[in-house]
Amino acid sequence: MNNIDAVVVGSTVVSFALGGLFKENEDIDFFVVNRSPLLEEDLFKNIAISKGWDYTYTDYGTPRLIVPYEYGEFFVDFYENIHDFYIPEEIISNEVKKLRINKHRVKMISLEAYIVLKARIGRKIDDRDLSRIKNLIDEGYLKVNRRKIVELLKYFPEEEVGMMRNRLIRKGII
């Protein structure tokens, strides 16, 4: 879309791993690889205008498109590495799979990469998400490669890795 190269990085990753598309109240979080959502805001605003969608901002001040659909609306959020929102380039380069949804090709990070990102952020909602993922693993709905999760930690700043590892251990994921 408009020469925007982006990768799905949010909870949609878990929904796809479970075999579905979206939960009713789910948004779609994209990490933009080749553009700056902050510096090129007009590009994203023009997409919304051209489609008849509303436009607003995420908590990080990056573009959010509000897309109407049959039962309401959902958000399409665009991010880049800004403030404490950080995704190592190695994850975007090495932990992405390509999917085809209807006529659209979509790139998405691996479930293991999503789990590591959740461990880094560490808000209450992220802890709840990690607990939910652990329950889904225990119930057999999700399969994860624990070795890969540990391996992905090496792409983060050294001073954060211990905290991230401890969160993952406390949640029983590694």
C-alpha atoms as a PDB file:
ATOM      1  CA  MET A   1       0.000   0.000   0.000  1.00  0.00           C
ATOM      2  CA  ASN A   2       1.559   3.303  -1.122  1.00  0.00           C
ATOM      3  CA  ASN A   3       5.028   1.721  -1.149  1.00  0.00           C
ATOM      4  CA  ILE A   4       4.911   1.201   2.597  1.00  0.00           C
ATOM      5  CA  ASP A   5       6.911  -1.849   3.661  1.00  0.00           C
ATOM      6  CA  ALA A   6       5.570  -2.917   7.041  1.00  0.00           C
ATOM      7  CA  VAL A   7       5.515  -5.972   9.290  1.00  0.00           C
ATOM      8  CA  VAL A   8       2.702  -7.035  11.631  1.00  0.00           C
ATOM      9  CA  VAL A   9       4.136  -6.972  15.160  1.00  0.00           C
ATOM     10  CA  GLY A  10       1.118  -6.896  17.505  1.00  0.00           C
ATOM     11  CA  SER A  11      -1.354  -9.340  19.004  1.00  0.00           C
ATOM     12  CA  THR A  12      -2.544 -10.289  15.525  1.00  0.00           C
ATOM     13  CA  VAL A  13       0.517 -12.587  15.531  1.00  0.00           C
ATOM     14  CA  VAL A  14      -1.121 -14.678  18.273  1.00  0.00           C
ATOM     15  CA  SER A  15      -4.481 -14.696  16.483  1.00  0.00           C
ATOM     16  CA  PHE A  16      -2.852 -16.069  13.333  1.00  0.00           C
ATOM     17  CA  ALA A  17      -0.892 -18.649  15.332  1.00  0.00           C
ATOM     18  CA  LEU A  18      -4.253 -19.803  16.686  1.00  0.00           C
ATOM     19  CA  GLY A  19      -5.555 -20.176  13.141  1.00  0.00           C
ATOM     20  CA  GLY A  20      -7.853 -17.151  13.069  1.00  0.00           C
ATOM     21  CA  LEU A  21      -7.684 -13.674  11.711  1.00  0.00           C
ATOM     22  CA  PHE A  22      -8.794 -11.112  14.279  1.00  0.00           C
ATOM     23  CA  LYS A  23     -10.553 -10.882  17.560  1.00  0.00           C
ATOM     24  CA  GLU A  24     -13.459  -8.482  17.363  1.00  0.00           C
ATOM     25  CA  ASN A  25     -11.761  -5.687  19.341  1.00  0.00           C
ATOM     26  CA  GLU A  26      -8.246  -6.262  18.023  1.00  0.00           C
ATOM     27  CA  ASP A  27      -6.164  -3.684  16.251  1.00  0.00           C
ATOM     28  CA  ILE A  28      -3.408  -4.326  13.736  1.00  0.00           C
ATOM     29  CA  ASP A  29       0.039  -3.051  14.667  1.00  0.00           C
ATOM     30  CA  PHE A  30       2.493  -2.511  11.836  1.00  0.00           C
ATOM     31  CA  PHE A  31       6.186  -1.760  12.198  1.00  0.00           C
ATOM     32  CA  VAL A  32       7.126   0.348   9.173  1.00  0.00           C
ATOM     33  CA  VAL A  33      10.460  -0.625   7.644  1.00  0.00           C
ATOM     34  CA  ASN A  34      11.017   1.819   4.810  1.00  0.00           C
ATOM     35  CA  ARG A  35       9.218   5.028   5.814  1.00  0.00           C
ATOM     36  CA  SER A  36       8.874   7.134   8.927  1.00  0.00           C
ATOM     37  CA  PRO A  37       5.328   7.308  10.270  1.00  0.00           C
ATOM     38  CA  LEU A  38       6.374  10.341  12.318  1.00  0.00           C
ATOM     39  CA  LEU A  39       8.202  12.273   9.624  1.00  0.00           C
ATOM     40  CA  GLU A  40       5.910  11.280   6.759  1.00  0.00           C
ATOM     41  CA  GLU A  41       2.606  11.687   8.553  1.00  0.00           C
ATOM     42  CA  ASP A  42       0.898  13.157   5.477  1.00  0.00           C
ATOM     43  CA  LEU A  43       1.427   9.896   3.581  1.00  0.00           C
ATOM     44  CA  PHE A  44      -0.558   7.973   6.215  1.00  0.00           C
ATOM     45  CA  LYS A  45      -3.157  10.718   6.581  1.00  0.00           C
ATOM     46  CA  ASN A  46      -3.711  10.702   2.797  1.00  0.00           C
ATOM     47  CA  ILE A  47      -4.285   6.943   2.844  1.00  0.00           C
ATOM     48  CA  ALA A  48      -7.057   7.434   5.409  1.00  0.00           C
ATOM     49  CA  ILE A  49      -8.605  10.302   3.452  1.00  0.00           C
ATOM     50  CA  SER A  50      -8.499   8.402   0.155  1.00  0.00           C
ATOM     51  CA  LYS A  51     -10.279   5.407   1.728  1.00  0.00           C
ATOM     52  CA  GLY A  52     -12.802   7.473   3.687  1.00  0.00           C
ATOM     53  CA  TRP A  53     -11.351   6.357   7.017  1.00  0.00           C
ATOM     54  CA  ASP A  54     -10.743   8.417  10.135  1.00  0.00           C
ATOM     55  CA  TYR A  55      -7.236   9.339  11.250  1.00  0.00           C
ATOM     56  CA  THR A  56      -5.799   9.811  14.716  1.00  0.00           C
ATOM     57  CA  TYR A  57      -2.667   8.913  16.717  1.00  0.00           C
ATOM     58  CA  THR A  58      -1.283   6.065  18.818  1.00  0.00           C
ATOM     59  CA  ASP A  59       0.059   6.625  22.327  1.00  0.00           C
ATOM     60  CA  TYR A  60       3.468   7.176  20.698  1.00  0.00           C
ATOM     61  CA  GLY A  61       2.136   9.917  18.419  1.00  0.00           C
ATOM     62  CA  THR A  62       2.371   7.756  15.298  1.00  0.00           C
ATOM     63  CA  PRO A  63      -0.470   7.360  12.771  1.00  0.00           C
ATOM     64  CA  ARG A  64      -3.599   5.359  13.535  1.00  0.00           C
ATOM     65  CA  LEU A  65      -6.168   4.680  10.840  1.00  0.00           C
ATOM     66  CA  ILE A  66      -9.706   3.924  11.999  1.00  0.00           C
ATOM     67  CA  VAL A  67     -11.219   1.479   9.552  1.00  0.00           C
ATOM     68  CA  PRO A  68     -14.982   0.856   9.594  1.00  0.00           C
ATOM     69  CA  TYR A  69     -16.229  -2.677   9.052  1.00  0.00           C
ATOM     70  CA  GLU A  70     -19.491  -4.557   9.325  1.00  0.00           C
ATOM     71  CA  TYR A  71     -19.715  -4.619  13.132  1.00  0.00           C
ATOM     72  CA  GLY A  72     -17.906  -1.429  14.091  1.00  0.00           C
ATOM     73  CA  GLU A  73     -14.345  -0.332  13.462  1.00  0.00           C
ATOM     74  CA  PHE A  74     -10.768  -1.407  14.062  1.00  0.00           C
ATOM     75  CA  PHE A  75      -7.485   0.435  14.328  1.00  0.00           C
ATOM     76  CA  VAL A  76      -4.490   0.103  12.049  1.00  0.00           C
ATOM     77  CA  ASP A  77      -1.494   1.463  13.965  1.00  0.00           C
ATOM     78  CA  PHE A  78       1.888   2.292  12.453  1.00  0.00           C
ATOM     79  CA  TYR A  79       5.092   2.294  14.500  1.00  0.00           C
ATOM     80  CA  GLU A  80       8.793   2.767  14.119  1.00  0.00           C
ATOM     81  CA  ASN A  81      11.644   2.673  16.626  1.00  0.00           C
ATOM     82  CA  ILE A  82      10.807   5.658  18.801  1.00  0.00           C
ATOM     83  CA  HIS A  83      11.084   6.355  22.532  1.00  0.00           C
ATOM     84  CA  ASP A  84      10.775   2.979  24.283  1.00  0.00           C
ATOM     85  CA  PHE A  85       9.154   1.275  21.271  1.00  0.00           C
ATOM     86  CA  TYR A  86      12.082  -0.702  19.932  1.00  0.00           C
ATOM     87  CA  ILE A  87      12.343  -3.705  17.634  1.00  0.00           C
ATOM     88  CA  PRO A  88      15.854  -4.827  16.677  1.00  0.00           C
ATOM     89  CA  GLU A  89      16.554  -4.903  12.959  1.00  0.00           C
ATOM     90  CA  GLU A  90      17.626  -8.555  13.256  1.00  0.00           C
ATOM     91  CA  ILE A  91      14.085  -9.500  14.316  1.00  0.00           C
ATOM     92  CA  ILE A  92      12.553  -7.596  11.402  1.00  0.00           C
ATOM     93  CA  SER A  93      15.087  -9.193   9.036  1.00  0.00           C
ATOM     94  CA  ASN A  94      15.192 -12.766  10.334  1.00  0.00           C
ATOM     95  CA  GLU A  95      11.924 -13.449  12.161  1.00  0.00           C
ATOM     96  CA  VAL A  96       9.381 -12.550   9.508  1.00  0.00           C
ATOM     97  CA  LYS A  97       7.131 -14.844   7.538  1.00  0.00           C
ATOM     98  CA  LYS A  98       5.037 -13.872   4.541  1.00  0.00           C
ATOM     99  CA  LEU A  99       1.357 -14.683   4.409  1.00  0.00           C
ATOM    100  CA  ARG A 100      -1.317 -14.258   1.793  1.00  0.00           C
ATOM    101  CA  ILE A 101      -4.655 -12.961   3.019  1.00  0.00           C
ATOM    102  CA  ASN A 102      -7.172 -12.794   0.194  1.00  0.00           C
ATOM    103  CA  LYS A 103      -5.341 -10.772  -2.438  1.00  0.00           C
ATOM    104  CA  HIS A 104      -2.907  -9.110  -0.017  1.00  0.00           C
ATOM    105  CA  ARG A 105       0.587 -10.207   0.949  1.00  0.00           C
ATOM    106  CA  VAL A 106       1.400  -9.525   4.585  1.00  0.00           C
ATOM    107  CA  LYS A 107       4.617  -9.898   6.547  1.00  0.00           C
ATOM    108  CA  MET A 108       4.421 -10.901  10.199  1.00  0.00           C
ATOM    109  CA  ILE A 109       6.979 -11.534  12.929  1.00  0.00           C
ATOM    110  CA  SER A 110       7.200 -14.995  14.461  1.00  0.00           C
ATOM    111  CA  LEU A 111       5.290 -15.882  17.613  1.00  0.00           C
ATOM    112  CA  GLU A 112       8.627 -16.258  19.430  1.00  0.00           C
ATOM    113  CA  ALA A 113       9.646 -12.714  18.424  1.00  0.00           C
ATOM    114  CA  TYR A 114       6.285 -11.386  19.618  1.00  0.00           C
ATOM    115  CA  ILE A 115       6.788 -13.086  22.991  1.00  0.00           C
ATOM    116  CA  VAL A 116      10.247 -11.548  23.381  1.00  0.00           C
ATOM    117  CA  LEU A 117       8.884  -8.086  22.531  1.00  0.00           C
ATOM    118  CA  LYS A 118       6.162  -8.510  25.163  1.00  0.00           C
ATOM    119  CA  ALA A 119       8.804  -9.485  27.716  1.00  0.00           C
ATOM    120  CA  ARG A 120      10.740  -6.309  26.955  1.00  0.00           C
ATOM    121  CA  ILE A 121       7.818  -3.918  27.378  1.00  0.00           C
ATOM    122  CA  GLY A 122       6.628  -5.326  30.704  1.00  0.00           C
ATOM    123  CA  ARG A 123       3.452  -3.306  31.310  1.00  0.00           C
ATOM    124  CA  LYS A 124       0.601  -5.000  33.189  1.00  0.00           C
ATOM    125  CA  ILE A 125      -1.205  -5.685  29.929  1.00  0.00           C
ATOM    126  CA  ASP A 126       1.961  -7.299  28.530  1.00  0.00           C
ATOM    127  CA  ASP A 127       2.267  -9.510  31.614  1.00  0.00           C
ATOM    128  CA  ARG A 128      -1.364 -10.564  31.142  1.00  0.00           C
ATOM    129  CA  ASP A 129      -0.675 -11.300  27.477  1.00  0.00           C
ATOM    130  CA  LEU A 130       2.336 -13.448  28.424  1.00  0.00           C
ATOM    131  CA  SER A 131       0.200 -15.326  30.973  1.00  0.00           C
ATOM    132  CA  ARG A 132      -2.473 -15.879  28.297  1.00  0.00           C
ATOM    133  CA  ILE A 133       0.154 -17.193  25.890  1.00  0.00           C
ATOM    134  CA  LYS A 134       1.513 -19.542  28.582  1.00  0.00           C
ATOM    135  CA  ASN A 135      -2.018 -20.874  29.174  1.00  0.00           C
ATOM    136  CA  LEU A 136      -2.515 -21.408  25.440  1.00  0.00           C
ATOM    137  CA  ILE A 137       0.807 -23.294  25.303  1.00  0.00           C
ATOM    138  CA  ASP A 138      -0.162 -25.442  28.311  1.00  0.00           C
ATOM    139  CA  GLU A 139      -3.558 -26.209  26.763  1.00  0.00           C
ATOM    140  CA  GLY A 140      -1.917 -27.252  23.501  1.00  0.00           C
ATOM    141  CA  TYR A 141      -3.309 -24.439  21.359  1.00  0.00           C
ATOM    142  CA  LEU A 142       0.081 -22.820  20.727  1.00  0.00           C
ATOM    143  CA  LYS A 143       3.507 -24.286  20.139  1.00  0.00           C
ATOM    144  CA  VAL A 144       6.646 -22.225  20.634  1.00  0.00           C
ATOM    145  CA  ASN A 145      10.325 -22.886  20.215  1.00  0.00           C
ATOM    146  CA  ARG A 146      11.745 -22.033  23.643  1.00  0.00           C
ATOM    147  CA  ARG A 147      15.323 -22.171  22.354  1.00  0.00           C
ATOM    148  CA  LYS A 148      14.480 -19.594  19.708  1.00  0.00           C
ATOM    149  CA  ILE A 149      12.958 -17.308  22.348  1.00  0.00           C
ATOM    150  CA  VAL A 150      16.172 -17.442  24.374  1.00  0.00           C
ATOM    151  CA  GLU A 151      18.244 -16.924  21.227  1.00  0.00           C
ATOM    152  CA  LEU A 152      16.280 -13.798  20.254  1.00  0.00           C
ATOM    153  CA  LEU A 153      17.228 -12.114  23.516  1.00  0.00           C
ATOM    154  CA  LYS A 154      20.744 -11.529  22.145  1.00  0.00           C
ATOM    155  CA  TYR A 155      19.425  -8.828  19.806  1.00  0.00           C
ATOM    156  CA  PHE A 156      18.443  -6.547  22.685  1.00  0.00           C
ATOM    157  CA  PRO A 157      20.645  -4.229  24.724  1.00  0.00           C
ATOM    158  CA  GLU A 158      22.668  -6.218  27.246  1.00  0.00           C
ATOM    159  CA  GLU A 159      21.290  -4.246  30.193  1.00  0.00           C
ATOM    160  CA  GLU A 160      17.718  -5.355  29.319  1.00  0.00           C
ATOM    161  CA  VAL A 161      18.297  -9.052  28.660  1.00  0.00           C
ATOM    162  CA  GLY A 162      18.364 -10.164  32.325  1.00  0.00           C
ATOM    163  CA  MET A 163      15.052  -8.469  33.074  1.00  0.00           C
ATOM    164  CA  MET A 164      13.482  -9.913  29.923  1.00  0.00           C
ATOM    165  CA  ARG A 165      14.753 -13.415  30.695  1.00  0.00           C
ATOM    166  CA  ASN A 166      13.437 -13.167  34.278  1.00  0.00           C
ATOM    167  CA  ARG A 167       9.977 -12.154  33.050  1.00  0.00           C
ATOM    168  CA  LEU A 168       9.892 -15.102  30.675  1.00  0.00           C
ATOM    169  CA  ILE A 169      11.029 -17.491  33.428  1.00  0.00           C
ATOM    170  CA  ARG A 170       8.457 -16.118  35.905  1.00  0.00           C
ATOM    171  CA  LYS A 171       5.711 -16.632  33.336  1.00  0.00           C
ATOM    172  CA  GLY A 172       6.936 -20.193  32.699  1.00  0.00           C
ATOM    173  CA  ILE A 173       7.575 -19.586  29.023  1.00  0.00           C
ATOM    174  CA  ILE A 174      11.274 -20.487  29.140  1.00  0.00           C
END
